[in-house]
Amino acid sequence: MTMTAEQATQFAEVFDRLVTGVEQVLLGKHHVIRMSFTALLSGGHLLLEDVPGTGKTSLARAIAQSVRGSSNRVQFTPDLLPGDITGVSIYDQRSGAFEFHRGPIFANIVLADEINRASPKTQSALLEVMEEEQITADGVTHPVAAPFMVIATQNPIEQAGTYRLPEAQLDRFIMKASIGYPDHSSTVRILEGAGLRAHETVVPPIVSSETVVELAALARTVFVDATINDYVARLIDATRTSTEVRLGVSVRGALALVRTAKTLAAANGRHYVIPDDVKELAETVLAHRLLLDPEAEFDGVTPSSVIARILIETPPPSDRLTV
């Protein structure tokens, strides 16, 4: 089954309503909100690298409220244990058996604040749930709620006492983005509402959690021409053969680019993907998956500049797509 033009129009209308609703809380951040919902409806997770006080918690809470879902916030610290996230089994003397008490990971939207401050052992507690949407404790599998999304943050300024996220975990984030500071007009609007605290702002629910699951399934039916898949494959190959890159994009990264391109196409009211969808998402989806050569890093090369160069050097499909 392939998405129809009418379904794409309806998808775009709901998508725009979701974005508009969250913009009431996160003023002037239209692009990052669109990327967040693109990640959610692509079945992925979002990594936000930003300084404190830019609205990361407000974004997570607003997304959960707009889809009538639950949200939890976990503050990652060096002494945080894996069970503090996933849950623990506690012996019940009355029943004579161990009872599993669910951790904060059992929510629709989970904010992992300053994820790089926790030890690698604690960070690894998220690997299974981010990939398979389930937790295994004492040999028993516990599925998490649907939809499920982890929004993790890390501070790019202060690196003392932090642990760099391993490549295997970075690869599980479908996107990496930055909220950034608001522009002047948005700052003025924020100051006008200074009497209202951030957690007191409530976003009215736009759709139900069940509808989000249906929209995500619908996004997967967007048509992708063979030339688009070939274009994505050439982009991925270029990251692996670049002399500036020590570790290129994985197959998971290639799949992530196609999946998010499908969702973005539907969000733009199209039932098929075009090269511009891939170009718009390439840096956000691929850059954080690159491991640069140390000499290239010393010369000032960044993952974003590598992706930008590859987009210029890799020609997109020239023929007009027919659906």
Protein backbone atom coordinates (compact mmCIF):
# COMPACT_ATOMS: atom_id res chain seq x y z
CA MET A 1 0.00 0.00 0.00
CA THR A 2 1.28 3.45 -0.97
CA MET A 3 0.12 6.75 0.47
CA THR A 4 -2.33 8.64 -1.74
CA ALA A 5 -2.25 12.36 -2.53
CA GLU A 6 -5.36 12.89 -0.38
CA GLN A 7 -3.77 11.11 2.59
CA ALA A 8 -0.65 13.24 2.18
CA THR A 9 -2.74 16.40 2.35
CA GLN A 10 -4.47 15.21 5.52
CA PHE A 11 -1.12 14.22 7.04
CA ALA A 12 0.31 17.67 6.35
CA GLU A 13 -2.69 19.37 7.96
CA VAL A 14 -2.32 17.38 11.20
CA PHE A 15 1.47 17.88 11.16
CA ASP A 16 1.08 21.66 10.83
CA ARG A 17 -1.43 21.72 13.71
CA LEU A 18 1.04 19.84 15.93
CA VAL A 19 3.86 22.23 15.07
CA THR A 20 1.67 25.30 15.60
CA GLY A 21 0.57 24.01 19.00
CA VAL A 22 4.12 23.52 20.28
CA GLU A 23 5.16 26.92 18.88
CA GLN A 24 2.99 28.46 21.59
CA VAL A 25 5.62 27.26 24.08
CA LEU A 26 8.83 27.36 22.05
CA LEU A 27 8.60 30.72 20.29
CA GLY A 28 10.50 31.32 17.08
CA LYS A 29 11.73 27.73 16.73
CA HIS A 30 9.62 26.51 13.84
CA HIS A 31 12.39 24.47 12.20
CA VAL A 32 13.51 22.50 15.26
CA ILE A 33 9.88 21.76 16.17
CA ARG A 34 9.29 20.39 12.66
CA MET A 35 12.40 18.27 12.97
CA SER A 36 11.25 16.98 16.37
CA PHE A 37 7.89 15.85 15.03
CA THR A 38 9.59 14.41 11.96
CA ALA A 39 11.74 12.31 14.29
CA LEU A 40 8.71 11.26 16.35
CA LEU A 41 6.64 10.23 13.33
CA SER A 42 9.64 8.41 11.88
CA GLY A 43 9.84 6.24 14.98
CA GLY A 44 13.17 7.72 16.06
CA HIS A 45 14.86 9.61 18.88
CA LEU A 46 16.29 13.12 19.06
CA LEU A 47 19.62 14.37 20.44
CA LEU A 48 19.73 18.06 21.34
CA GLU A 49 23.17 19.57 21.84
CA ASP A 50 22.56 22.92 23.47
CA VAL A 51 23.45 25.21 26.32
CA PRO A 52 21.19 25.30 29.40
CA GLY A 53 18.04 27.41 29.37
CA THR A 54 17.08 27.13 25.69
CA GLY A 55 13.80 25.26 26.24
CA LYS A 56 14.75 21.60 25.88
CA THR A 57 12.51 20.45 28.74
CA SER A 58 9.67 22.68 27.53
CA LEU A 59 9.95 21.14 24.05
CA ALA A 60 9.70 17.58 25.38
CA ARG A 61 6.75 18.42 27.63
CA ALA A 62 4.92 20.32 24.88
CA ILE A 63 5.31 17.45 22.40
CA ALA A 64 3.90 15.00 24.95
CA GLN A 65 0.97 17.29 25.73
CA SER A 66 0.15 17.86 22.06
CA VAL A 67 -0.15 14.10 21.42
CA ARG A 68 -1.99 13.45 24.71
CA GLY A 69 0.90 11.37 25.97
CA SER A 70 2.96 10.98 29.12
CA SER A 71 6.38 12.51 29.66
CA ASN A 72 9.18 11.94 32.16
CA ARG A 73 12.43 13.76 32.78
CA VAL A 74 15.58 12.00 33.94
CA GLN A 75 18.49 14.11 35.15
CA PHE A 76 21.64 12.15 34.26
CA THR A 77 24.39 12.35 36.88
CA PRO A 78 27.57 10.34 37.48
CA ASP A 79 25.92 8.32 40.29
CA LEU A 80 22.81 7.41 38.28
CA LEU A 81 22.33 3.63 37.96
CA PRO A 82 20.72 1.71 35.05
CA GLY A 83 17.87 0.62 37.32
CA ASP A 84 17.09 4.27 38.06
CA ILE A 85 16.05 4.54 34.43
CA THR A 86 14.59 1.17 33.48
CA GLY A 87 13.19 0.09 36.83
CA VAL A 88 14.05 -2.49 39.47
CA SER A 89 12.68 -5.77 40.78
CA ILE A 90 11.74 -5.64 44.48
CA TYR A 91 10.94 -8.68 46.60
CA ASP A 92 7.37 -8.68 47.88
CA GLN A 93 7.20 -10.58 51.18
CA ARG A 94 3.43 -11.00 50.96
CA SER A 95 3.48 -12.75 47.59
CA GLY A 96 6.91 -14.32 48.01
CA ALA A 97 7.96 -13.13 44.55
CA PHE A 98 9.88 -10.31 42.94
CA GLU A 99 7.76 -7.49 41.54
CA PHE A 100 9.05 -5.22 38.78
CA HIS A 101 8.68 -1.50 39.49
CA ARG A 102 8.82 0.48 36.27
CA GLY A 103 11.28 3.32 35.88
CA PRO A 104 10.82 6.70 34.19
CA ILE A 105 11.63 5.21 30.77
CA PHE A 106 8.03 3.96 30.63
CA ALA A 107 6.54 7.11 29.10
CA ASN A 108 5.72 8.35 25.60
CA ILE A 109 8.29 11.16 25.67
CA VAL A 110 11.37 10.74 27.86
CA LEU A 111 13.78 13.64 28.35
CA ALA A 112 17.27 12.36 29.14
CA ASP A 113 18.79 15.60 30.41
CA GLU A 114 22.58 15.92 30.10
CA ILE A 115 22.90 12.30 29.05
CA ASN A 116 26.68 12.51 28.74
CA ARG A 117 27.07 13.10 32.50
CA ALA A 118 26.12 9.49 33.33
CA SER A 119 28.60 6.61 33.22
CA PRO A 120 28.82 4.43 30.07
CA LYS A 121 27.13 1.61 32.00
CA THR A 122 24.10 3.80 32.69
CA GLN A 123 24.06 5.17 29.14
CA SER A 124 23.99 1.60 27.82
CA ALA A 125 20.70 1.03 29.67
CA LEU A 126 19.04 2.99 26.87
CA LEU A 127 20.48 0.93 23.99
CA GLU A 128 17.84 -1.81 24.03
CA VAL A 129 14.81 0.39 24.59
CA MET A 130 15.84 2.90 21.91
CA GLU A 131 16.21 0.16 19.31
CA GLU A 132 13.55 -2.39 20.27
CA GLU A 133 11.14 -0.32 22.41
CA GLN A 134 11.32 -2.80 25.27
CA ILE A 135 13.14 -3.39 28.55
CA THR A 136 14.46 -6.78 29.64
CA ALA A 137 14.77 -7.21 33.41
CA ASP A 138 15.49 -10.57 35.09
CA GLY A 139 14.78 -12.34 31.82
CA VAL A 140 11.33 -10.76 31.43
CA THR A 141 10.55 -8.39 28.58
CA HIS A 142 8.54 -5.25 29.31
CA PRO A 143 7.38 -3.23 26.27
CA VAL A 144 7.25 0.55 26.56
CA ALA A 145 4.36 2.76 25.54
CA ALA A 146 3.64 3.72 21.94
CA PRO A 147 4.53 6.18 20.62
CA PHE A 148 7.92 6.24 22.32
CA MET A 149 10.64 8.83 21.90
CA VAL A 150 13.80 9.72 23.79
CA ILE A 151 14.86 13.36 23.65
CA ALA A 152 18.40 13.49 25.03
CA THR A 153 20.41 16.64 25.71
CA GLN A 154 24.05 17.38 26.21
CA ASN A 155 25.90 20.60 26.96
CA PRO A 156 28.57 21.34 24.30
CA ILE A 157 30.33 23.94 26.49
CA GLU A 158 31.14 22.24 29.79
CA GLN A 159 32.88 18.90 29.23
CA ALA A 160 34.38 18.36 32.71
CA GLY A 161 33.02 15.20 34.31
CA THR A 162 31.23 14.00 31.18
CA TYR A 163 31.45 10.78 29.18
CA ARG A 164 31.40 10.95 25.41
CA LEU A 165 28.48 9.05 23.91
CA PRO A 166 29.74 5.91 22.15
CA GLU A 167 29.17 5.58 18.41
CA ALA A 168 26.66 2.74 18.95
CA GLN A 169 24.45 5.07 21.00
CA LEU A 170 24.86 8.10 18.74
CA ASP A 171 23.75 5.88 15.85
CA ARG A 172 20.45 5.20 17.63
CA PHE A 173 19.47 8.86 17.53
CA ILE A 174 17.69 9.45 14.26
CA MET A 175 18.54 13.17 14.41
CA LYS A 176 20.82 15.59 16.19
CA ALA A 177 19.70 19.21 16.39
CA SER A 178 20.13 22.42 18.36
CA ILE A 179 17.40 24.76 19.62
CA GLY A 180 19.63 27.79 20.06
CA TYR A 181 18.73 31.16 21.50
CA PRO A 182 15.55 32.91 20.26
CA ASP A 183 15.74 35.93 17.99
CA HIS A 184 15.02 39.45 19.24
CA SER A 185 11.28 39.53 18.54
CA SER A 186 10.77 36.10 20.12
CA THR A 187 12.78 37.16 23.17
CA VAL A 188 10.52 40.19 23.62
CA ARG A 189 7.43 37.98 23.44
CA ILE A 190 8.97 35.62 26.01
CA LEU A 191 9.69 38.52 28.36
CA GLU A 192 6.10 39.77 28.01
CA GLY A 193 4.98 36.45 29.46
CA ALA A 194 7.55 36.43 32.26
CA GLY A 195 4.81 36.19 34.86
CA LEU A 196 3.98 32.68 33.69
CA ARG A 197 6.46 29.94 34.54
CA ALA A 198 7.44 27.47 31.84
CA HIS A 199 5.85 24.40 33.45
CA GLU A 200 2.56 26.30 33.85
CA THR A 201 2.10 26.62 30.09
CA VAL A 202 -0.10 23.83 28.82
CA VAL A 203 -0.38 22.87 25.15
CA PRO A 204 -3.89 21.67 24.30
CA PRO A 205 -3.91 18.11 22.94
CA ILE A 206 -4.09 18.04 19.14
CA VAL A 207 -4.27 14.30 18.50
CA SER A 208 -4.30 11.13 20.58
CA SER A 209 -1.34 8.81 21.07
CA GLU A 210 -3.14 6.21 18.96
CA THR A 211 -3.39 8.71 16.11
CA VAL A 212 0.36 9.34 16.30
CA VAL A 213 1.00 5.62 15.88
CA GLU A 214 -1.34 5.60 12.86
CA LEU A 215 0.40 8.64 11.34
CA ALA A 216 3.80 7.01 11.80
CA ALA A 217 2.54 3.89 10.03
CA LEU A 218 1.09 6.04 7.24
CA ALA A 219 4.38 7.90 6.79
CA ARG A 220 6.12 4.59 6.08
CA THR A 221 3.92 4.14 3.00
CA VAL A 222 5.25 7.25 1.20
CA PHE A 223 6.60 6.34 -2.23
CA VAL A 224 10.37 6.36 -2.73
CA ASP A 225 11.64 6.10 -6.30
CA ALA A 226 14.61 3.86 -7.07
CA THR A 227 16.62 6.92 -8.10
CA ILE A 228 16.13 8.40 -4.60
CA ASN A 229 17.41 5.22 -2.97
CA ASP A 230 20.39 5.29 -5.33
CA TYR A 231 21.04 8.93 -4.39
CA VAL A 232 20.98 8.12 -0.67
CA ALA A 233 23.29 5.15 -1.22
CA ARG A 234 25.78 7.38 -3.09
CA LEU A 235 25.71 9.91 -0.26
CA ILE A 236 26.37 7.18 2.30
CA ASP A 237 29.20 5.70 0.21
CA ALA A 238 30.79 9.15 -0.02
CA THR A 239 30.93 9.42 3.78
CA ARG A 240 32.78 6.10 3.93
CA THR A 241 35.35 6.93 1.27
CA SER A 242 36.09 10.50 2.37
CA THR A 243 39.69 10.99 3.44
CA GLU A 244 38.51 13.23 6.27
CA VAL A 245 36.32 10.53 7.81
CA ARG A 246 37.56 7.59 9.85
CA LEU A 247 34.11 6.01 10.33
CA GLY A 248 31.32 6.69 7.85
CA VAL A 249 27.55 6.38 8.10
CA SER A 250 26.13 2.95 8.93
CA VAL A 251 23.25 1.13 7.28
CA ARG A 252 21.07 2.29 10.19
CA GLY A 253 21.94 5.86 9.24
CA ALA A 254 21.00 5.26 5.61
CA LEU A 255 17.65 3.82 6.66
CA ALA A 256 17.11 6.77 8.99
CA LEU A 257 17.62 9.22 6.14
CA VAL A 258 15.05 7.46 3.95
CA ARG A 259 12.52 7.13 6.79
CA THR A 260 12.75 10.77 7.81
CA ALA A 261 12.58 11.84 4.15
CA LYS A 262 9.31 9.93 3.86
CA THR A 263 7.89 11.70 6.89
CA LEU A 264 9.08 15.11 5.71
CA ALA A 265 7.55 14.54 2.28
CA ALA A 266 4.19 13.72 3.89
CA ALA A 267 4.54 16.75 6.18
CA ASN A 268 4.94 18.87 3.04
CA GLY A 269 1.76 17.37 1.54
CA ARG A 270 3.45 14.99 -0.90
CA HIS A 271 2.99 11.24 -1.17
CA TYR A 272 6.43 10.78 -2.70
CA VAL A 273 10.00 11.76 -1.79
CA ILE A 274 12.04 14.23 -3.82
CA PRO A 275 15.81 14.94 -3.64
CA ASP A 276 15.20 18.18 -1.73
CA ASP A 277 13.75 16.15 1.17
CA VAL A 278 16.99 14.21 1.40
CA LYS A 279 19.11 17.36 1.13
CA GLU A 280 17.17 19.15 3.88
CA LEU A 281 17.63 16.26 6.30
CA ALA A 282 21.16 15.11 5.41
CA GLU A 283 23.08 17.16 7.97
CA THR A 284 20.60 16.61 10.81
CA VAL A 285 20.41 12.86 10.24
CA LEU A 286 23.97 12.02 9.17
CA ALA A 287 26.48 14.47 10.68
CA HIS A 288 26.48 13.07 14.23
CA ARG A 289 27.20 9.57 12.89
CA LEU A 290 30.56 10.55 11.40
CA LEU A 291 33.83 9.91 13.21
CA LEU A 292 36.41 12.29 11.75
CA ASP A 293 40.09 11.68 11.21
CA PRO A 294 42.08 13.39 14.02
CA GLU A 295 44.18 15.38 11.52
CA ALA A 296 41.03 16.63 9.79
CA GLU A 297 39.59 17.73 13.14
CA PHE A 298 42.84 19.55 13.92
CA ASP A 299 42.49 21.40 10.60
CA GLY A 300 39.02 22.61 11.62
CA VAL A 301 36.92 20.15 9.62
CA THR A 302 33.50 19.43 11.14
CA PRO A 303 30.98 16.67 10.38
CA SER A 304 28.56 19.31 9.08
CA SER A 305 31.14 20.67 6.63
CA VAL A 306 31.83 17.13 5.39
CA ILE A 307 28.12 16.52 4.73
CA ALA A 308 27.80 19.91 3.02
CA ARG A 309 30.72 19.10 0.72
CA ILE A 310 29.33 15.64 -0.09
CA LEU A 311 25.95 17.16 -0.99
CA ILE A 312 27.67 19.50 -3.43
CA GLU A 313 29.84 16.78 -4.98
CA THR A 314 27.09 14.12 -5.24
CA PRO A 315 24.63 14.97 -8.03
CA PRO A 316 20.95 14.30 -7.23
CA PRO A 317 18.64 12.46 -9.66
CA SER A 318 18.17 14.62 -12.75
CA ASP A 319 15.09 12.93 -14.20
CA ARG A 320 11.67 14.12 -13.11
CA LEU A 321 10.08 11.67 -10.68
CA THR A 322 6.93 9.97 -11.89
CA VAL A 323 4.52 8.47 -9.39
